[in-house]
Protein backbone atom coordinates (compact mmCIF):
# COMPACT_ATOMS: atom_id res chain seq x y z
CA ALA A 1 40.95 12.85 21.91
CA THR A 2 39.93 11.37 25.33
CA PHE A 3 36.71 9.76 23.71
CA LEU A 4 38.39 8.85 20.55
CA SER A 5 41.24 7.11 22.31
CA GLY A 6 39.02 5.39 24.21
CA TRP A 7 36.57 4.10 21.49
CA PRO A 8 36.40 4.00 19.12
CA LEU A 9 39.91 4.40 18.84
CA SER A 10 40.56 1.84 21.02
CA ALA A 11 44.17 0.21 22.14
CA ARG A 12 43.67 -2.81 20.56
CA LYS A 13 43.92 -1.23 17.18
CA ARG A 14 46.70 1.15 15.77
CA TRP A 15 45.47 4.07 14.50
CA ARG A 16 47.55 7.29 12.77
CA LEU A 17 45.27 10.60 12.18
CA LEU A 18 45.86 13.56 10.11
CA HIS A 19 44.45 16.95 9.83
CA ALA A 20 41.59 17.59 7.48
CA GLY A 21 38.66 19.77 6.99
CA ALA A 22 35.38 19.62 5.33
CA ASN A 23 32.71 22.21 4.09
CA CYS A 24 35.29 24.45 6.44
CA GLN A 25 34.34 22.48 9.48
CA PRO A 26 37.91 20.45 11.39
CA ALA A 27 38.09 17.13 10.56
CA VAL A 28 40.32 14.21 11.17
CA ALA A 29 41.36 11.11 8.71
CA GLY A 30 41.52 7.60 10.22
CA PHE A 31 44.14 5.31 8.73
CA LEU A 32 44.22 1.84 10.35
CA TRP A 33 47.25 -0.36 10.59
CA ASP A 34 47.32 -3.21 7.78
CA GLU A 35 49.50 -6.35 8.84
CA GLN A 36 49.28 -7.26 5.32
CA THR A 37 50.79 -4.20 3.82
CA SER A 38 52.64 -3.29 6.51
CA ALA A 39 51.04 0.65 6.60
CA TYR A 40 48.05 2.34 7.32
CA ARG A 41 44.80 2.10 5.34
CA PRO A 42 42.41 4.82 5.11
CA GLU A 43 39.48 3.89 7.23
CA THR A 44 37.66 7.01 8.22
CA ILE A 45 37.37 10.69 7.83
CA ILE A 46 35.64 12.28 11.31
CA LEU A 47 33.86 15.60 11.09
CA LEU A 48 33.49 17.60 14.24
CA THR A 49 30.53 20.15 14.43
CA LEU A 50 31.77 23.17 16.46
CA ARG A 51 29.42 25.23 18.72
CA ALA A 52 31.31 28.08 20.45
CA ALA A 53 33.83 26.36 22.21
CA SER A 54 32.13 22.54 22.41
CA ILE A 55 31.93 19.89 19.96
CA GLU A 56 28.32 19.39 18.96
CA GLU A 57 28.26 16.33 16.68
CA ILE A 58 31.10 13.87 15.57
CA THR A 59 30.42 12.19 12.10
CA ALA A 60 32.01 9.48 10.95
CA PHE A 61 32.35 8.56 7.23
CA ARG A 62 33.72 4.95 7.09
CA SER A 63 34.35 4.96 3.63
CA PRO A 64 37.69 4.94 2.16
CA GLU A 65 37.07 5.61 -1.01
CA LEU A 66 36.35 9.65 -0.09
CA PHE A 67 39.93 10.12 0.82
CA PRO A 68 40.93 11.35 -2.72
CA ARG A 69 38.32 14.05 -2.65
CA PHE A 70 40.38 15.92 0.55
CA ASP A 71 43.49 15.16 -1.13
CA LEU A 72 44.42 12.59 1.81
CA PRO A 73 47.24 9.77 0.50
CA GLU A 74 45.97 6.07 -0.10
CA ARG A 75 48.29 5.10 2.72
CA LEU A 76 50.80 5.72 5.86
CA PRO A 77 53.68 3.93 6.17
CA THR A 78 55.00 3.33 9.30
């Protein structure tokens, strides 16, 4: 959370995160605020690869078209 809130999810942008999962690994879906639609729109799926009690790797899929495959909503309201 500390890493993500500092960069790339900087304070200059409004983000919402939802719990997700991919290939039996923890993941979060990132939604970025869109002023034009007044809603959070899909932006990225962040996959965490764990080893023991540590995060070994963070992989970001900046592909909003993947959201339906993970049963994620098309947008989040305010």
